[in-house]
Amino acid sequence: MHVSYQNANPRRGNESTILRFTDGDAKAVLLVDSGDGVDLDSLLAADEYLNGVLLTHAHIDHYRTLGKNVRHNAPVYVSPATGTILEHSLSEARKDNDLGDVDAVLDSIEPIGEWTPVLEGLEIRPVPAGHTPGAAGFLVRFRETFGPKGDDVASIISDERYILVTGDFTTRPCAGFPPLPTSFPVDVDAVFLNASTNETTIEQRNEALQTILERAYGGSRVVVAASALTGVQYALLLAAIAAELDRSLSITVVGQTARVLDALDIERPEIESCAVFDRPSDVLEAETVTIAGPDSPTTGSAKRLLLAIHDRPADAFVQLATDDSEPISNANCSTYAFRSDNHPSRDELDEVVRAIAPKHLVVKHASGYRLDTFQRRYDRCFTWAPDDGVSRVLYEDGEWSKPGWISESAARRIRHRQWKTNGDRPLATDDDSMSLLRQPVDPDAEGVDVDAFRSQFSGSVADPYDDQVALTDRDDAPPASETATVPETDRFEARVFGDGDGKTLLEVLESTDFSPGEIVEVSLSRPAEDGDSSENRDGLEQSE
């Protein structure tokens, strides 16, 4: 068997790869993901045919050119969950993106969950990858035969080799979908490792969830803008956290997030799904979290809902973006932005490499300086990290090939370290580690600091409209005798909100001439009892 690989888009993401397998006259070509800039017209030779696409997950940067590259009746292999997601999301995605022949992609999708033959002696199997609902890596198994040619079948020895393609992954579950395993029931010889990392994934997740809960439990209408898959993850995390806290929380998912949640057949009593709504008021309520897409509120449900709360200071807009976006700055509602791309840290990446201990490591989804750092990072395997589109041989004549730039003496040292490492490495005892089945959401397992949330939010639900949260009832309020007299001026009714962390917000219920950002002095009193003078009613006063 002869095995080679080629970066399919080294300058445009470098997440896509061509794998070629040749055994005598039999040839197979597999494409791993089809991101920006992948062009099979220029990558395949005249005598080559595409035998299959391994699509790791339903993020558009991994399938943007798929509609232009499906051909030769090649299946697009996906996990069952990703197949379901694509059936409901591809048609939506092509409204704003040039995705080529989407119908051809939908016709080619082949969900698989077990070992699936591509050609005789070449099989693939999906493995869980965390990262996003339905994400999967792929194990590729090929058989090498040794022995005499001809009819002497009894003396032929067959041996199996394994390549792991991780795709984007995490070592934690995502929305209950299992993480990438670090122990397999087989020896993995080579790993194609997507090296996208984020050192603040867990920190940002906890801060975003804390902000959402503070505002919702404080009585605000909270709009969360996120991609559909991120929206599903956060809806399930919020529901699971509320259950841990033994507090009620109303969550509404709308638009594409609702369609994906429904398609995956996921139900939680805290979550209401509403794919289509006539008026924003239909899905916006105080003390409710409404999750909409896309993550940038320039279109779709997120834009409609932002416009609905734009001028309401007591409401909150939370943006879960895949980059370091700044919060929306031209809105009068409270705005927040958190990064939510869900990639592992460098330490987690190192742990995956250490635990699997492959002979060869091919670094993907990185470029330039980051590729160079990974080239020098691991000394117990042969690390391939070129940033070009040259085809390179990984395996031939029954042996794994060393990179051409590594000397024979260095290669001997690496092989000796591999021998010492693999001697004590345990293997998984069964295939359970490769199960794709979704489990109940465990916030702790997904990186949520449940103890901190329990400390902050446990207890009965506070009514944000209760007059007991008025400023005059605060423990640090000065005695009445020390309070300055406010001149008799304009009086306005106001509604009191809290953010769950000691901050009190007021929403004026009448039209005023206040300017956004203006600082005013206020005096607060409770509503008058029946029969009291109207001059003593609850009000907010502007001091001139």
Protein backbone atom coordinates (compact mmCIF):
# COMPACT_ATOMS: atom_id res chain seq x y z
CA MET A 1 0.00 0.00 0.00
CA HIS A 2 1.17 3.49 -0.87
CA VAL A 3 -0.32 6.39 1.15
CA SER A 4 0.24 10.09 0.51
CA TYR A 5 -1.37 13.34 1.58
CA GLN A 6 -1.67 16.84 0.16
CA ASN A 7 -2.83 20.09 1.77
CA ALA A 8 -5.85 21.15 -0.28
CA ASN A 9 -6.01 24.82 0.82
CA PRO A 10 -2.78 25.73 2.66
CA ARG A 11 -3.33 29.49 2.20
CA ARG A 12 -7.07 29.58 2.95
CA GLY A 13 -7.59 27.79 6.26
CA ASN A 14 -5.51 24.63 5.79
CA GLU A 15 -8.22 22.43 7.28
CA SER A 16 -8.78 20.45 4.07
CA THR A 17 -6.66 17.49 2.96
CA ILE A 18 -6.47 14.99 0.11
CA LEU A 19 -5.56 11.42 1.11
CA ARG A 20 -4.45 9.04 -1.66
CA PHE A 21 -4.26 5.24 -1.28
CA THR A 22 -2.73 3.05 -3.97
CA ASP A 23 -2.50 -0.75 -3.86
CA GLY A 24 -1.39 -2.13 -7.19
CA ASP A 25 -3.95 -1.04 -9.76
CA ALA A 26 -6.49 -0.02 -7.09
CA LYS A 27 -6.56 3.68 -6.23
CA ALA A 28 -8.70 5.71 -3.84
CA VAL A 29 -8.86 9.45 -3.20
CA LEU A 30 -10.52 10.90 -0.08
CA LEU A 31 -11.08 14.59 0.58
CA VAL A 32 -11.19 15.63 4.24
CA ASP A 33 -13.43 18.72 4.51
CA SER A 34 -13.92 21.20 1.68
CA GLY A 35 -13.14 24.66 2.99
CA ASP A 36 -12.29 27.96 1.35
CA GLY A 37 -10.22 27.72 -1.81
CA VAL A 38 -10.42 23.95 -2.35
CA ASP A 39 -10.53 23.22 -6.10
CA LEU A 40 -10.50 19.55 -7.07
CA ASP A 41 -10.38 20.48 -10.75
CA SER A 42 -6.79 21.54 -10.20
CA LEU A 43 -5.88 19.02 -7.49
CA LEU A 44 -6.96 15.73 -9.11
CA ALA A 45 -4.94 14.18 -11.89
CA ALA A 46 -6.66 13.19 -15.11
CA ASP A 47 -6.79 9.51 -14.07
CA GLU A 48 -7.95 10.17 -10.49
CA TYR A 49 -11.49 9.87 -9.20
CA LEU A 50 -12.95 11.08 -5.92
CA ASN A 51 -14.05 8.12 -3.80
CA GLY A 52 -15.47 10.04 -0.85
CA VAL A 53 -15.52 13.19 1.25
CA LEU A 54 -15.03 13.02 5.02
CA LEU A 55 -16.96 16.02 6.33
CA THR A 56 -16.16 16.51 9.99
CA HIS A 57 -18.90 18.95 11.02
CA ALA A 58 -21.45 21.49 9.84
CA HIS A 59 -19.48 24.73 10.17
CA ILE A 60 -19.41 26.61 6.87
CA ASP A 61 -15.63 27.09 6.85
CA HIS A 62 -15.36 23.31 6.45
CA TYR A 63 -17.93 22.87 3.66
CA ARG A 64 -17.94 26.20 1.79
CA THR A 65 -16.67 24.67 -1.50
CA LEU A 66 -18.29 21.27 -1.13
CA GLY A 67 -20.99 22.05 -3.71
CA LYS A 68 -18.27 22.79 -6.27
CA ASN A 69 -16.25 19.65 -5.53
CA VAL A 70 -18.76 16.78 -5.25
CA ARG A 71 -18.31 14.52 -8.27
CA HIS A 72 -17.99 10.94 -9.51
CA ASN A 73 -20.98 9.87 -7.36
CA ALA A 74 -18.67 10.05 -4.34
CA PRO A 75 -20.49 9.89 -0.98
CA VAL A 76 -20.12 12.72 1.54
CA TYR A 77 -19.55 10.75 4.75
CA VAL A 78 -20.83 12.43 7.92
CA SER A 79 -21.95 11.48 11.41
CA PRO A 80 -25.71 10.88 11.69
CA ALA A 81 -26.20 14.13 13.65
CA THR A 82 -24.24 16.20 11.13
CA GLY A 83 -26.27 14.66 8.32
CA THR A 84 -29.46 15.77 10.06
CA ILE A 85 -28.10 19.27 10.66
CA LEU A 86 -27.01 19.72 7.04
CA GLU A 87 -30.42 18.71 5.74
CA HIS A 88 -31.88 21.70 7.60
CA SER A 89 -29.04 24.21 7.36
CA LEU A 90 -27.55 24.00 3.86
CA SER A 91 -30.59 25.54 2.19
CA GLU A 92 -30.48 28.41 4.69
CA ALA A 93 -26.72 28.90 4.35
CA ARG A 94 -26.85 29.25 0.56
CA LYS A 95 -29.08 32.32 0.85
CA ASP A 96 -26.05 34.41 1.86
CA ASN A 97 -23.17 32.31 0.50
CA ASP A 98 -22.04 30.89 -2.84
CA LEU A 99 -22.04 27.18 -1.97
CA GLY A 100 -22.22 25.70 -5.46
CA ASP A 101 -24.58 22.80 -6.13
CA VAL A 102 -26.23 22.36 -2.72
CA ASP A 103 -28.74 19.85 -4.12
CA ALA A 104 -25.87 17.63 -5.28
CA VAL A 105 -24.38 17.80 -1.79
CA LEU A 106 -27.68 16.83 -0.16
CA ASP A 107 -28.02 13.90 -2.57
CA SER A 108 -24.47 12.75 -1.72
CA ILE A 109 -24.71 12.84 2.09
CA GLU A 110 -24.21 9.40 3.62
CA PRO A 111 -24.44 9.28 7.42
CA ILE A 112 -22.37 6.47 8.94
CA GLY A 113 -21.77 5.26 12.49
CA GLU A 114 -19.64 2.14 12.06
CA TRP A 115 -16.80 0.85 9.89
CA THR A 116 -17.70 1.53 6.27
CA PRO A 117 -15.77 0.18 3.25
CA VAL A 118 -14.49 2.61 0.63
CA LEU A 119 -12.59 0.00 -1.40
CA GLU A 120 -11.38 -3.48 -0.60
CA GLY A 121 -8.85 -3.11 2.19
CA LEU A 122 -9.79 0.51 2.94
CA GLU A 123 -12.42 1.44 5.53
CA ILE A 124 -13.48 4.53 7.49
CA ARG A 125 -15.32 5.08 10.75
CA PRO A 126 -16.47 8.30 12.47
CA VAL A 127 -15.38 9.01 16.05
CA PRO A 128 -16.75 11.74 18.33
CA ALA A 129 -14.95 15.08 18.36
CA GLY A 130 -16.80 17.44 20.73
CA HIS A 131 -16.37 20.98 19.33
CA THR A 132 -19.95 21.37 18.10
CA PRO A 133 -23.13 19.25 18.00
CA GLY A 134 -22.58 16.30 15.66
CA ALA A 135 -18.86 16.90 15.08
CA ALA A 136 -16.79 13.83 14.26
CA GLY A 137 -13.27 12.86 13.39
CA PHE A 138 -12.59 9.80 11.26
CA LEU A 139 -10.48 6.69 11.68
CA VAL A 140 -9.12 5.38 8.38
CA ARG A 141 -8.08 1.72 8.33
CA PHE A 142 -6.08 0.15 5.54
CA ARG A 143 -4.75 -3.37 5.29
CA GLU A 144 -1.21 -4.20 4.26
CA THR A 145 -0.41 -7.69 3.02
CA PHE A 146 2.98 -9.36 3.19
CA GLY A 147 4.05 -12.60 1.56
CA PRO A 148 4.57 -14.26 -1.78
CA LYS A 149 2.46 -13.47 -4.80
CA GLY A 150 0.39 -16.08 -6.52
CA ASP A 151 -1.60 -18.98 -5.10
CA ASP A 152 0.24 -19.47 -1.80
CA VAL A 153 -2.55 -17.73 0.17
CA ALA A 154 -1.75 -19.53 3.42
CA SER A 155 1.59 -17.76 3.75
CA ILE A 156 0.21 -14.26 3.20
CA ILE A 157 0.14 -12.07 6.32
CA SER A 158 -2.34 -9.21 6.61
CA ASP A 159 -1.76 -6.30 8.96
CA GLU A 160 -3.87 -3.22 9.70
CA ARG A 161 -2.76 0.41 9.85
CA TYR A 162 -4.76 3.32 11.29
CA ILE A 163 -4.91 7.04 10.51
CA LEU A 164 -6.94 9.41 12.70
CA VAL A 165 -8.31 12.64 11.22
CA THR A 166 -9.44 14.79 14.15
CA GLY A 167 -11.22 17.67 12.40
CA ASP A 168 -11.91 20.53 14.81
CA PHE A 169 -12.23 18.96 18.24
CA THR A 170 -12.42 19.44 21.98
CA THR A 171 -11.55 17.14 24.86
CA ARG A 172 -14.85 18.08 26.53
CA PRO A 173 -18.35 17.14 25.37
CA CYS A 174 -20.47 19.70 23.54
CA ALA A 175 -24.24 19.83 24.13
CA GLY A 176 -23.95 16.23 25.33
CA PHE A 177 -22.12 15.03 22.21
CA PRO A 178 -18.97 13.16 23.30
CA PRO A 179 -15.45 14.61 23.03
CA LEU A 180 -12.56 13.31 20.98
CA PRO A 181 -11.28 10.09 22.62
CA THR A 182 -7.67 9.99 23.76
CA SER A 183 -7.65 6.21 24.01
CA PHE A 184 -8.63 3.84 21.20
CA PRO A 185 -8.91 0.04 21.04
CA VAL A 186 -6.29 0.11 18.27
CA ASP A 187 -2.84 1.61 17.78
CA VAL A 188 -3.22 4.85 15.85
CA ASP A 189 -0.20 5.18 13.58
CA ALA A 190 -0.74 8.70 12.20
CA VAL A 191 -2.84 11.66 13.34
CA PHE A 192 -3.98 14.59 11.21
CA LEU A 193 -4.40 17.10 14.02
CA ASN A 194 -6.41 20.29 13.63
CA ALA A 195 -4.33 22.69 15.72
CA SER A 196 -6.77 25.59 16.19
CA THR A 197 -6.56 26.59 19.84
CA ASN A 198 -8.18 29.06 22.22
CA GLU A 199 -6.75 29.62 25.68
CA THR A 200 -9.90 31.36 26.94
CA THR A 201 -12.64 28.98 25.77
CA ILE A 202 -13.74 27.94 29.27
CA GLU A 203 -13.27 31.39 30.78
CA GLN A 204 -15.35 33.02 28.06
CA ARG A 205 -18.06 30.35 28.35
CA ASN A 206 -18.43 30.88 32.08
CA GLU A 207 -18.47 34.67 31.77
CA ALA A 208 -21.10 34.53 29.03
CA LEU A 209 -23.34 32.15 30.97
CA GLN A 210 -22.94 34.23 34.14
CA THR A 211 -23.92 37.42 32.31
CA ILE A 212 -26.95 35.78 30.70
CA LEU A 213 -28.19 34.40 34.03
CA GLU A 214 -27.54 37.65 35.92
CA ARG A 215 -29.63 39.62 33.48
CA ALA A 216 -32.40 37.03 33.14
CA TYR A 217 -32.75 36.48 36.88
CA GLY A 218 -32.62 40.27 37.30
CA GLY A 219 -35.78 40.61 35.21
CA SER A 220 -34.35 41.67 31.86
CA ARG A 221 -35.36 40.47 28.45
CA VAL A 222 -32.14 38.82 27.26
CA VAL A 223 -31.38 38.26 23.57
CA VAL A 224 -28.44 35.97 22.75
CA ALA A 225 -27.08 36.15 19.19
CA ALA A 226 -25.22 33.00 18.15
CA SER A 227 -24.76 30.59 15.29
CA ALA A 228 -27.33 27.81 15.26
CA LEU A 229 -24.99 25.17 16.66
CA THR A 230 -23.60 27.46 19.37
CA GLY A 231 -27.16 28.48 20.18
CA VAL A 232 -28.13 24.84 20.71
CA GLN A 233 -25.16 24.30 23.02
CA TYR A 234 -25.91 27.38 25.13
CA ALA A 235 -29.65 26.66 25.35
CA LEU A 236 -28.90 23.18 26.71
CA LEU A 237 -26.20 24.45 29.08
CA LEU A 238 -28.50 27.15 30.49
CA ALA A 239 -31.27 24.61 31.01
CA ALA A 240 -28.90 22.19 32.73
CA ILE A 241 -27.46 24.91 34.99
CA ALA A 242 -30.94 26.06 35.98
CA ALA A 243 -31.77 22.47 36.92
CA GLU A 244 -28.58 22.28 39.01
CA LEU A 245 -29.59 25.51 40.77
CA ASP A 246 -33.17 24.28 41.25
CA ARG A 247 -34.40 27.56 39.76
CA SER A 248 -36.79 28.07 36.91
CA LEU A 249 -35.53 29.68 33.71
CA SER A 250 -37.47 30.25 30.51
CA ILE A 251 -35.47 29.81 27.31
CA THR A 252 -36.81 30.41 23.81
CA VAL A 253 -34.85 29.43 20.70
CA VAL A 254 -35.92 30.91 17.38
CA GLY A 255 -35.06 30.74 13.69
CA GLN A 256 -32.37 28.33 12.55
CA THR A 257 -31.40 27.46 16.14
CA ALA A 258 -34.95 26.20 16.70
CA ARG A 259 -34.90 24.20 13.47
CA VAL A 260 -31.63 22.49 14.36
CA LEU A 261 -32.76 21.72 17.92
CA ASP A 262 -35.99 20.22 16.60
CA ALA A 263 -34.18 18.25 13.88
CA LEU A 264 -31.88 16.69 16.48
CA ASP A 265 -34.99 15.71 18.46
CA ILE A 266 -33.69 17.32 21.65
CA GLU A 267 -36.29 18.35 24.20
CA ARG A 268 -35.99 20.12 27.55
CA PRO A 269 -38.97 21.45 29.52
CA GLU A 270 -37.17 24.78 30.02
CA ILE A 271 -36.72 25.33 26.27
CA GLU A 272 -39.44 26.50 23.91
CA SER A 273 -38.73 26.18 20.19
CA CYS A 274 -40.21 28.80 17.84
CA ALA A 275 -38.70 28.66 14.36
CA VAL A 276 -40.96 31.41 12.97
CA PHE A 277 -42.49 34.36 14.80
CA ASP A 278 -44.62 37.26 13.58
CA ARG A 279 -43.68 39.89 16.14
CA PRO A 280 -40.62 40.14 18.38
CA SER A 281 -42.97 40.56 21.34
CA ASP A 282 -44.11 36.97 20.70
CA VAL A 283 -40.71 35.64 21.82
CA LEU A 284 -39.47 38.39 24.16
CA GLU A 285 -40.47 38.39 27.81
CA ALA A 286 -38.95 39.59 31.07
CA GLU A 287 -36.83 36.94 32.81
CA THR A 288 -36.56 35.01 29.54
CA VAL A 289 -33.50 34.18 27.43
CA THR A 290 -34.21 34.29 23.69
CA ILE A 291 -31.52 32.72 21.48
CA ALA A 292 -31.41 33.77 17.83
CA GLY A 293 -29.03 33.83 14.89
CA PRO A 294 -26.76 34.68 13.29
CA ASP A 295 -24.01 35.69 15.73
CA SER A 296 -23.64 39.04 13.96
CA PRO A 297 -26.97 40.90 14.21
CA THR A 298 -26.89 42.32 10.68
CA THR A 299 -29.61 40.02 9.39
CA GLY A 300 -32.10 37.36 10.43
CA SER A 301 -33.80 36.89 13.78
CA ALA A 302 -30.89 38.40 15.72
CA LYS A 303 -31.32 41.71 13.87
CA ARG A 304 -35.10 41.79 14.43
CA LEU A 305 -34.77 41.13 18.15
CA LEU A 306 -31.94 43.62 18.63
CA LEU A 307 -34.08 46.32 17.01
CA ALA A 308 -36.91 45.41 19.38
CA ILE A 309 -34.81 45.96 22.53
CA HIS A 310 -32.46 48.56 21.05
CA ASP A 311 -33.87 51.47 23.06
CA ARG A 312 -34.62 49.57 26.27
CA PRO A 313 -31.81 50.11 28.83
CA ALA A 314 -33.22 47.41 31.08
CA ASP A 315 -32.80 44.74 28.38
CA ALA A 316 -29.61 42.93 27.38
CA PHE A 317 -28.07 41.81 24.09
CA VAL A 318 -25.36 39.12 24.34
CA GLN A 319 -23.28 38.29 21.27
CA LEU A 320 -21.53 34.89 21.09
CA ALA A 321 -19.12 35.35 18.20
CA THR A 322 -16.43 33.13 16.71
CA ASP A 323 -13.85 35.91 16.94
CA ASP A 324 -12.93 38.75 19.29
CA SER A 325 -15.84 40.97 18.29
CA GLU A 326 -16.52 44.17 20.15
CA PRO A 327 -19.97 44.60 21.71
CA ILE A 328 -22.59 46.47 19.69
CA SER A 329 -21.88 50.11 20.53
CA ASN A 330 -24.83 52.05 19.14
CA ALA A 331 -27.62 50.52 21.24
CA ASN A 332 -29.20 51.84 24.43
CA CYS A 333 -29.77 48.33 25.78
CA SER A 334 -26.88 46.69 27.64
CA THR A 335 -24.59 44.90 25.19
CA TYR A 336 -21.97 42.21 25.71
CA ALA A 337 -19.72 40.16 23.43
CA PHE A 338 -17.94 36.88 24.15
CA ARG A 339 -15.81 34.61 21.99
CA SER A 340 -17.32 31.17 21.52
CA ASP A 341 -15.34 29.24 18.89
CA ASN A 342 -14.90 26.22 21.22
CA HIS A 343 -11.37 25.05 20.52
CA PRO A 344 -8.96 23.31 22.93
CA SER A 345 -6.09 24.99 24.73
CA ARG A 346 -2.47 24.27 23.84
CA ASP A 347 -2.19 22.05 26.94
CA GLU A 348 -5.22 20.04 25.83
CA LEU A 349 -3.70 19.68 22.37
CA ASP A 350 -0.49 18.39 23.93
CA GLU A 351 -2.44 15.90 26.05
CA VAL A 352 -4.13 14.46 22.95
CA VAL A 353 -0.78 13.95 21.23
CA ARG A 354 0.78 12.46 24.37
CA ALA A 355 -2.12 10.09 25.04
CA ILE A 356 -2.54 8.80 21.47
CA ALA A 357 1.24 8.71 20.85
CA PRO A 358 1.18 8.40 17.05
CA LYS A 359 4.22 7.61 14.98
CA HIS A 360 3.40 10.51 12.66
CA LEU A 361 1.64 13.81 13.30
CA VAL A 362 0.39 16.03 10.47
CA VAL A 363 -0.53 19.51 11.71
CA LYS A 364 -3.62 21.05 10.10
CA HIS A 365 -5.77 24.20 10.39
CA ALA A 366 -2.75 26.37 11.13
CA SER A 367 -0.33 28.39 9.03
CA GLY A 368 2.88 30.37 9.07
CA TYR A 369 4.56 30.81 12.44
CA ARG A 370 2.08 28.54 14.24
CA LEU A 371 3.01 25.67 11.94
CA ASP A 372 6.68 26.27 12.70
CA THR A 373 6.07 26.15 16.46
CA PHE A 374 4.31 22.79 16.17
CA GLN A 375 7.12 21.49 13.99
CA ARG A 376 9.42 21.84 17.01
CA ARG A 377 6.90 21.06 19.75
CA TYR A 378 6.78 17.25 19.73
CA ASP A 379 9.88 15.05 19.85
CA ARG A 380 8.28 11.60 20.15
CA CYS A 381 6.75 11.50 16.69
CA PHE A 382 7.57 12.59 13.18
CA THR A 383 5.84 15.95 12.80
CA TRP A 384 4.74 17.12 9.37
CA ALA A 385 3.82 20.81 9.20
CA PRO A 386 4.51 22.17 5.70
CA ASP A 387 2.53 25.18 4.52
CA ASP A 388 2.40 24.24 0.85
CA GLY A 389 0.30 22.07 -1.46
CA VAL A 390 2.98 19.50 -2.31
CA SER A 391 1.94 15.83 -2.20
CA ARG A 392 3.98 13.89 0.38
CA VAL A 393 4.39 10.14 0.95
CA LEU A 394 3.40 8.90 4.40
CA TYR A 395 3.59 5.15 3.91
CA GLU A 396 5.05 2.80 1.28
CA ASP A 397 6.57 -0.66 0.97
CA GLY A 398 5.22 -1.67 4.39
CA GLU A 399 6.84 1.20 6.31
CA TRP A 400 5.94 4.68 7.47
CA SER A 401 8.15 7.28 5.79
CA LYS A 402 10.08 9.90 7.71
CA PRO A 403 9.93 13.53 6.54
CA GLY A 404 12.72 14.28 4.08
CA TRP A 405 14.13 17.09 6.23
CA ILE A 406 14.83 14.79 9.21
CA SER A 407 18.27 13.13 9.28
CA GLU A 408 18.70 9.40 9.86
CA SER A 409 20.28 9.97 13.26
CA ALA A 410 17.39 12.19 14.37
CA ALA A 411 14.95 9.60 13.04
CA ARG A 412 16.58 6.88 15.15
CA ARG A 413 16.22 9.02 18.28
CA ILE A 414 12.54 9.67 17.54
CA ARG A 415 11.86 5.96 16.95
CA HIS A 416 13.60 5.07 20.21
CA ARG A 417 11.41 7.57 22.12
CA GLN A 418 8.34 6.11 20.40
CA TRP A 419 9.31 2.61 21.47
CA LYS A 420 9.69 3.69 25.10
CA THR A 421 6.42 5.66 25.05
CA ASN A 422 4.26 3.01 23.42
CA GLY A 423 5.54 0.21 25.61
CA ASP A 424 3.53 1.37 28.65
CA ARG A 425 0.56 2.95 26.87
CA PRO A 426 -2.76 1.20 27.59
CA LEU A 427 -5.38 0.74 24.87
CA ALA A 428 -9.12 1.11 25.31
CA THR A 429 -10.69 -2.29 25.91
CA ASP A 430 -13.71 -1.85 23.62
CA ASP A 431 -15.37 0.45 21.09
CA ASP A 432 -17.36 2.46 23.67
CA SER A 433 -14.81 5.26 23.46
CA MET A 434 -15.83 5.76 19.82
CA SER A 435 -19.58 5.98 20.42
CA LEU A 436 -21.31 8.95 18.80
CA LEU A 437 -24.41 8.75 21.00
CA ARG A 438 -25.40 11.98 22.71
CA GLN A 439 -25.52 11.89 26.51
CA PRO A 440 -27.43 14.11 28.97
CA VAL A 441 -25.75 17.50 29.25
CA ASP A 442 -23.29 17.68 32.14
CA PRO A 443 -22.31 21.34 32.74
CA ASP A 444 -19.26 20.34 34.81
CA ALA A 445 -17.96 18.13 32.00
CA GLU A 446 -18.41 21.01 29.54
CA GLY A 447 -16.27 23.32 31.65
CA VAL A 448 -18.95 25.19 33.61
CA ASP A 449 -18.02 26.16 37.17
CA VAL A 450 -21.29 24.92 38.63
CA ASP A 451 -20.17 25.51 42.24
CA ALA A 452 -19.56 29.19 41.51
CA PHE A 453 -22.95 29.48 39.82
CA ARG A 454 -24.61 27.71 42.72
CA SER A 455 -22.97 30.12 45.17
CA GLN A 456 -24.14 33.16 43.20
CA PHE A 457 -27.60 32.13 42.03
CA SER A 458 -28.97 29.55 44.48
CA GLY A 459 -32.13 30.52 46.32
CA SER A 460 -35.62 31.62 45.47
CA VAL A 461 -36.29 33.59 42.32
CA ALA A 462 -36.47 37.30 43.06
CA ASP A 463 -39.33 39.28 41.53
CA PRO A 464 -37.68 42.17 39.65
CA TYR A 465 -40.85 44.26 40.04
CA ASP A 466 -41.11 43.77 43.81
CA ASP A 467 -40.83 47.10 45.62
CA GLN A 468 -38.48 45.47 48.12
CA VAL A 469 -35.65 45.87 45.61
CA ALA A 470 -36.10 49.65 45.65
CA LEU A 471 -32.99 51.63 46.40
CA THR A 472 -34.40 52.96 49.66
CA ASP A 473 -34.42 49.40 51.06
CA ARG A 474 -30.73 48.76 50.44
CA ASP A 475 -28.63 48.09 53.56
CA ASP A 476 -26.20 50.83 52.60
CA ALA A 477 -28.88 53.51 52.11
CA PRO A 478 -28.27 56.60 54.29
CA PRO A 479 -30.74 57.57 57.03
CA ALA A 480 -33.58 59.78 55.90
CA SER A 481 -32.24 62.67 57.99
CA GLU A 482 -29.01 62.61 56.00
CA THR A 483 -30.66 62.46 52.59
CA ALA A 484 -30.53 65.69 50.65
CA THR A 485 -33.86 67.27 49.73
CA VAL A 486 -34.63 66.96 46.02
CA PRO A 487 -36.18 70.02 44.40
CA GLU A 488 -39.81 69.59 43.33
CA THR A 489 -39.50 68.94 39.64
CA ASP A 490 -40.79 66.56 36.98
CA ARG A 491 -41.98 63.17 38.26
CA PHE A 492 -42.05 59.92 36.26
CA GLU A 493 -43.09 56.36 36.95
CA ALA A 494 -40.25 53.86 36.64
CA ARG A 495 -39.82 50.10 36.77
CA VAL A 496 -37.04 48.63 38.91
CA PHE A 497 -34.74 45.85 37.61
CA GLY A 498 -31.82 44.00 39.15
CA ASP A 499 -28.96 42.14 37.46
CA GLY A 500 -28.65 39.48 40.17
CA ASP A 501 -25.35 40.89 41.46
CA GLY A 502 -26.38 43.95 43.46
CA LYS A 503 -26.84 46.38 40.58
CA THR A 504 -30.25 48.11 40.24
CA LEU A 505 -31.58 49.46 36.94
CA LEU A 506 -34.51 51.80 36.34
CA GLU A 507 -36.66 51.94 33.22
CA VAL A 508 -38.63 55.18 32.84
CA LEU A 509 -42.14 54.33 31.69
CA GLU A 510 -42.95 57.72 30.19
CA SER A 511 -41.52 59.85 27.40
CA THR A 512 -38.81 62.25 28.67
CA ASP A 513 -36.29 64.69 27.27
CA PHE A 514 -33.35 62.84 28.85
CA SER A 515 -30.37 62.24 26.58
CA PRO A 516 -28.60 58.86 26.49
CA GLY A 517 -25.62 58.96 28.85
CA GLU A 518 -26.93 61.99 30.77
CA ILE A 519 -26.40 61.84 34.55
CA VAL A 520 -29.40 62.80 36.67
CA GLU A 521 -30.21 62.81 40.36
CA VAL A 522 -33.15 60.67 41.42
CA SER A 523 -35.38 60.24 44.43
CA LEU A 524 -37.40 57.05 44.76
CA SER A 525 -40.59 56.24 46.66
CA ARG A 526 -43.03 53.32 46.65
CA PRO A 527 -46.41 53.47 44.91
CA ALA A 528 -49.10 55.31 46.89
CA GLU A 529 -51.76 53.28 48.69
CA ASP A 530 -55.37 53.70 47.61
CA GLY A 531 -56.71 57.00 48.93
CA ASP A 532 -53.30 58.64 49.28
CA SER A 533 -52.61 61.89 47.53
CA SER A 534 -51.50 61.47 43.94
CA GLU A 535 -48.66 63.82 44.73
CA ASN A 536 -47.01 61.03 46.75
CA ARG A 537 -47.04 58.34 44.02
CA ASP A 538 -44.00 56.30 42.96
CA GLY A 539 -41.83 58.42 40.72
CA LEU A 540 -38.46 59.34 39.35
CA GLU A 541 -37.57 62.99 39.53
CA GLN A 542 -35.09 65.00 37.53
CA SER A 543 -33.25 67.57 39.64
CA GLU A 544 -32.50 70.76 37.84
